[in-house]
């Protein structure tokens, strides 16, 4: 699957289009629509399901050096206001402040990031290491591992410093229940 083929599949979900449009209009710094909402939209089109089948939420990453909760909350509220008409749960997170709360929430290390794509690089699964953002003349697509796993309906672990085999197993089980044709690659806990 090519970049353009993936993008065409992901953008068949009108929620993805609306969110990327609003991110472009708001001009949030280093803002991307990321992860499952993109991949699962593609899976749904490929498998003949409703385009929003199984999508729990729509994740937005941005990178603002202001790491205060108040600044992030203002962005969350602005997005909620602009996207309230969508039948979608949108979750925005400032990647500059993830290291402040992630270790306590997940009991795993999380070194500070320097940009949003570094957050994408740390996703639990390689197949969801994808982000898109609208530009003045189209879309940027970030996909360090390409689109073969998306096209093949494959869930693959992304071992790294914050990897959890238990979290991966739970996510893969949820996905397998929603997309039975999914191939799940087993994870090994890194030592």
Protein backbone atom coordinates (compact mmCIF):
# COMPACT_ATOMS: atom_id res chain seq x y z
CA UNK A 1 0.00 0.00 0.00
CA UNK A 2 1.32 3.41 -0.91
CA UNK A 3 1.12 6.61 1.10
CA UNK A 4 -1.59 7.96 -1.21
CA UNK A 5 -3.61 4.74 -1.07
CA UNK A 6 -3.48 4.79 2.73
CA UNK A 7 -4.44 8.45 2.86
CA UNK A 8 -7.40 7.85 0.52
CA UNK A 9 -8.66 5.06 2.81
CA UNK A 10 -8.18 7.03 6.05
CA UNK A 11 -9.91 10.09 4.61
CA UNK A 12 -13.03 8.11 3.74
CA UNK A 13 -13.84 8.64 7.42
CA UNK A 14 -15.41 12.12 7.54
CA UNK A 15 -14.35 12.50 11.19
CA UNK A 16 -10.70 12.29 10.14
CA UNK A 17 -11.26 14.95 7.49
CA UNK A 18 -13.09 17.28 9.90
CA UNK A 19 -10.43 16.93 12.60
CA UNK A 20 -7.50 17.56 10.27
CA UNK A 21 -9.34 20.57 8.84
CA UNK A 22 -9.80 22.07 12.32
CA UNK A 23 -6.18 21.36 13.28
CA UNK A 24 -5.08 23.20 10.15
CA UNK A 25 -7.37 26.15 10.92
CA UNK A 26 -6.23 26.40 14.55
CA UNK A 27 -2.56 26.14 13.50
CA UNK A 28 -1.60 24.24 16.65
CA UNK A 29 2.17 23.69 16.76
CA UNK A 30 3.33 20.37 15.28
CA UNK A 31 -0.25 19.02 15.28
CA UNK A 32 -1.12 15.58 13.90
CA UNK A 33 -4.13 13.26 13.85
CA UNK A 34 -2.62 9.94 14.84
CA UNK A 35 -2.91 6.22 15.37
CA UNK A 36 -5.95 3.99 15.55
CA UNK A 37 -8.54 6.29 14.00
CA UNK A 38 -6.47 6.33 10.82
CA UNK A 39 -5.49 2.67 10.70
CA UNK A 40 -8.90 1.42 11.77
CA UNK A 41 -10.63 3.60 9.16
CA UNK A 42 -8.42 1.92 6.54
CA UNK A 43 -9.14 -1.55 7.99
CA UNK A 44 -12.85 -0.80 7.89
CA UNK A 45 -12.79 0.23 4.24
CA UNK A 46 -10.64 -2.77 3.32
CA UNK A 47 -12.94 -5.19 5.17
CA UNK A 48 -16.24 -3.66 4.06
CA UNK A 49 -17.32 -2.37 7.47
CA UNK A 50 -18.77 1.01 8.40
CA UNK A 51 -15.87 3.47 8.19
CA UNK A 52 -16.04 4.30 11.92
CA UNK A 53 -16.56 0.71 13.16
CA UNK A 54 -14.63 0.01 16.37
CA UNK A 55 -12.95 3.42 16.63
CA UNK A 56 -12.92 4.32 20.33
CA UNK A 57 -11.41 7.79 19.93
CA UNK A 58 -9.54 10.16 17.67
CA UNK A 59 -6.11 11.11 19.01
CA UNK A 60 -4.53 14.49 18.34
CA UNK A 61 -0.88 15.15 19.11
CA UNK A 62 0.66 18.60 19.17
CA UNK A 63 3.87 19.99 20.63
CA UNK A 64 3.79 23.20 22.66
CA UNK A 65 6.71 24.16 24.94
CA UNK A 66 4.15 25.48 27.45
CA UNK A 67 3.78 22.33 29.53
CA UNK A 68 1.20 23.72 31.93
CA UNK A 69 -2.04 21.82 32.38
CA UNK A 70 -3.91 25.09 31.80
CA UNK A 71 -2.42 25.49 28.31
CA UNK A 72 -3.25 21.90 27.35
CA UNK A 73 -6.75 22.24 28.79
CA UNK A 74 -7.33 25.36 26.67
CA UNK A 75 -6.45 23.35 23.54
CA UNK A 76 -8.68 20.46 24.61
CA UNK A 77 -11.59 22.87 25.15
CA UNK A 78 -11.01 24.65 21.83
CA UNK A 79 -11.06 21.35 19.97
CA UNK A 80 -14.16 20.17 21.85
CA UNK A 81 -15.95 23.38 20.93
CA UNK A 82 -14.95 23.22 17.25
CA UNK A 83 -15.66 19.49 16.91
CA UNK A 84 -18.73 19.10 19.14
CA UNK A 85 -20.87 18.32 16.07
CA UNK A 86 -18.92 15.12 15.34
CA UNK A 87 -20.05 11.71 16.60
CA UNK A 88 -16.48 11.17 17.83
CA UNK A 89 -14.45 11.39 21.02
CA UNK A 90 -11.40 13.55 20.29
CA UNK A 91 -8.45 13.36 22.69
CA UNK A 92 -5.71 15.96 22.38
CA UNK A 93 -2.38 15.69 24.18
CA UNK A 94 0.57 18.06 24.23
CA UNK A 95 3.52 15.78 23.58
CA UNK A 96 5.83 18.23 25.36
CA UNK A 97 4.20 17.29 28.67
CA UNK A 98 3.57 13.52 28.37
CA UNK A 99 6.69 12.74 30.41
CA UNK A 100 5.13 14.66 33.32
CA UNK A 101 2.19 12.26 33.77
CA UNK A 102 2.90 9.02 31.85
CA UNK A 103 5.20 7.30 34.40
CA UNK A 104 2.68 7.69 37.23
CA UNK A 105 -0.25 6.57 35.08
CA UNK A 106 1.43 3.56 33.44
CA UNK A 107 4.30 2.74 35.83
CA UNK A 108 6.69 2.91 32.89
CA UNK A 109 9.48 5.36 32.00
CA UNK A 110 8.82 8.09 29.47
CA UNK A 111 11.76 10.35 28.59
CA UNK A 112 10.80 13.85 27.38
CA UNK A 113 10.02 14.29 23.69
CA UNK A 114 11.22 17.04 21.36
CA UNK A 115 8.41 16.81 18.78
CA UNK A 116 5.10 15.08 18.10
CA UNK A 117 6.52 12.46 15.74
CA UNK A 118 8.70 11.16 18.57
CA UNK A 119 5.45 10.42 20.41
CA UNK A 120 4.20 8.51 17.37
CA UNK A 121 7.47 6.55 17.38
CA UNK A 122 6.69 5.34 20.92
CA UNK A 123 3.27 3.87 20.13
CA UNK A 124 2.58 0.42 21.53
CA UNK A 125 2.07 -1.03 18.04
CA UNK A 126 4.06 -0.48 14.86
CA UNK A 127 0.97 -0.70 12.68
CA UNK A 128 -0.45 2.43 14.35
CA UNK A 129 2.74 4.49 14.09
CA UNK A 130 1.07 6.83 11.64
CA UNK A 131 0.08 10.48 11.70
CA UNK A 132 -1.46 12.83 9.17
CA UNK A 133 -1.85 16.59 9.03
CA UNK A 134 -3.31 18.95 6.50
CA UNK A 135 -1.02 21.42 4.78
CA UNK A 136 -1.62 24.30 2.42
CA UNK A 137 -1.39 21.95 -0.56
CA UNK A 138 -2.51 18.55 0.72
CA UNK A 139 -1.38 16.34 3.58
CA UNK A 140 1.79 15.37 5.37
CA UNK A 141 1.92 11.71 6.33
CA UNK A 142 4.32 10.32 8.93
CA UNK A 143 4.67 6.53 8.84
CA UNK A 144 8.15 5.29 9.83
CA UNK A 145 7.24 1.65 9.13
CA UNK A 146 5.16 2.22 6.04
CA UNK A 147 1.73 0.75 5.37
CA UNK A 148 2.24 -2.99 4.78
CA UNK A 149 0.80 -3.93 8.19
CA UNK A 150 -2.23 -1.72 7.57
CA UNK A 151 -2.83 -3.29 4.16
CA UNK A 152 -2.33 -6.79 5.57
CA UNK A 153 -4.50 -6.20 8.67
CA UNK A 154 -1.58 -7.02 10.96
CA UNK A 155 -1.08 -5.88 14.56
CA UNK A 156 2.62 -5.82 15.43
CA UNK A 157 4.26 -4.81 18.73
CA UNK A 158 6.64 -1.88 18.93
CA UNK A 159 9.14 -2.86 21.62
CA UNK A 160 10.75 0.15 23.21
CA UNK A 161 11.37 1.91 26.49
CA UNK A 162 7.69 2.19 27.40
CA UNK A 163 6.47 -1.11 25.92
CA UNK A 164 4.15 -3.32 27.98
CA UNK A 165 3.35 -6.83 26.76
CA UNK A 166 0.21 -6.82 28.93
CA UNK A 167 -1.04 -3.55 27.41
CA UNK A 168 -0.25 -4.85 23.93
CA UNK A 169 -2.13 -8.10 24.59
CA UNK A 170 -5.19 -6.19 25.82
CA UNK A 171 -5.18 -3.85 22.81
CA UNK A 172 -4.65 -6.72 20.35
CA UNK A 173 -7.48 -8.74 21.94
CA UNK A 174 -9.87 -5.79 21.60
CA UNK A 175 -8.89 -5.32 17.97
CA UNK A 176 -9.15 -9.05 17.18
CA UNK A 177 -12.71 -9.06 18.54
CA UNK A 178 -13.61 -6.13 16.28
CA UNK A 179 -11.65 -7.27 13.21
CA UNK A 180 -11.52 -11.11 13.39
CA UNK A 181 -9.44 -11.30 10.20
CA UNK A 182 -6.64 -9.36 11.93
CA UNK A 183 -3.31 -11.19 12.33
CA UNK A 184 -1.79 -10.48 15.74
CA UNK A 185 1.99 -10.84 16.06
CA UNK A 186 2.87 -12.03 19.58
CA UNK A 187 4.89 -9.76 21.84
CA UNK A 188 7.87 -10.65 23.95
CA UNK A 189 8.53 -8.52 27.03
CA UNK A 190 11.84 -6.72 26.57
CA UNK A 191 14.42 -7.25 29.30
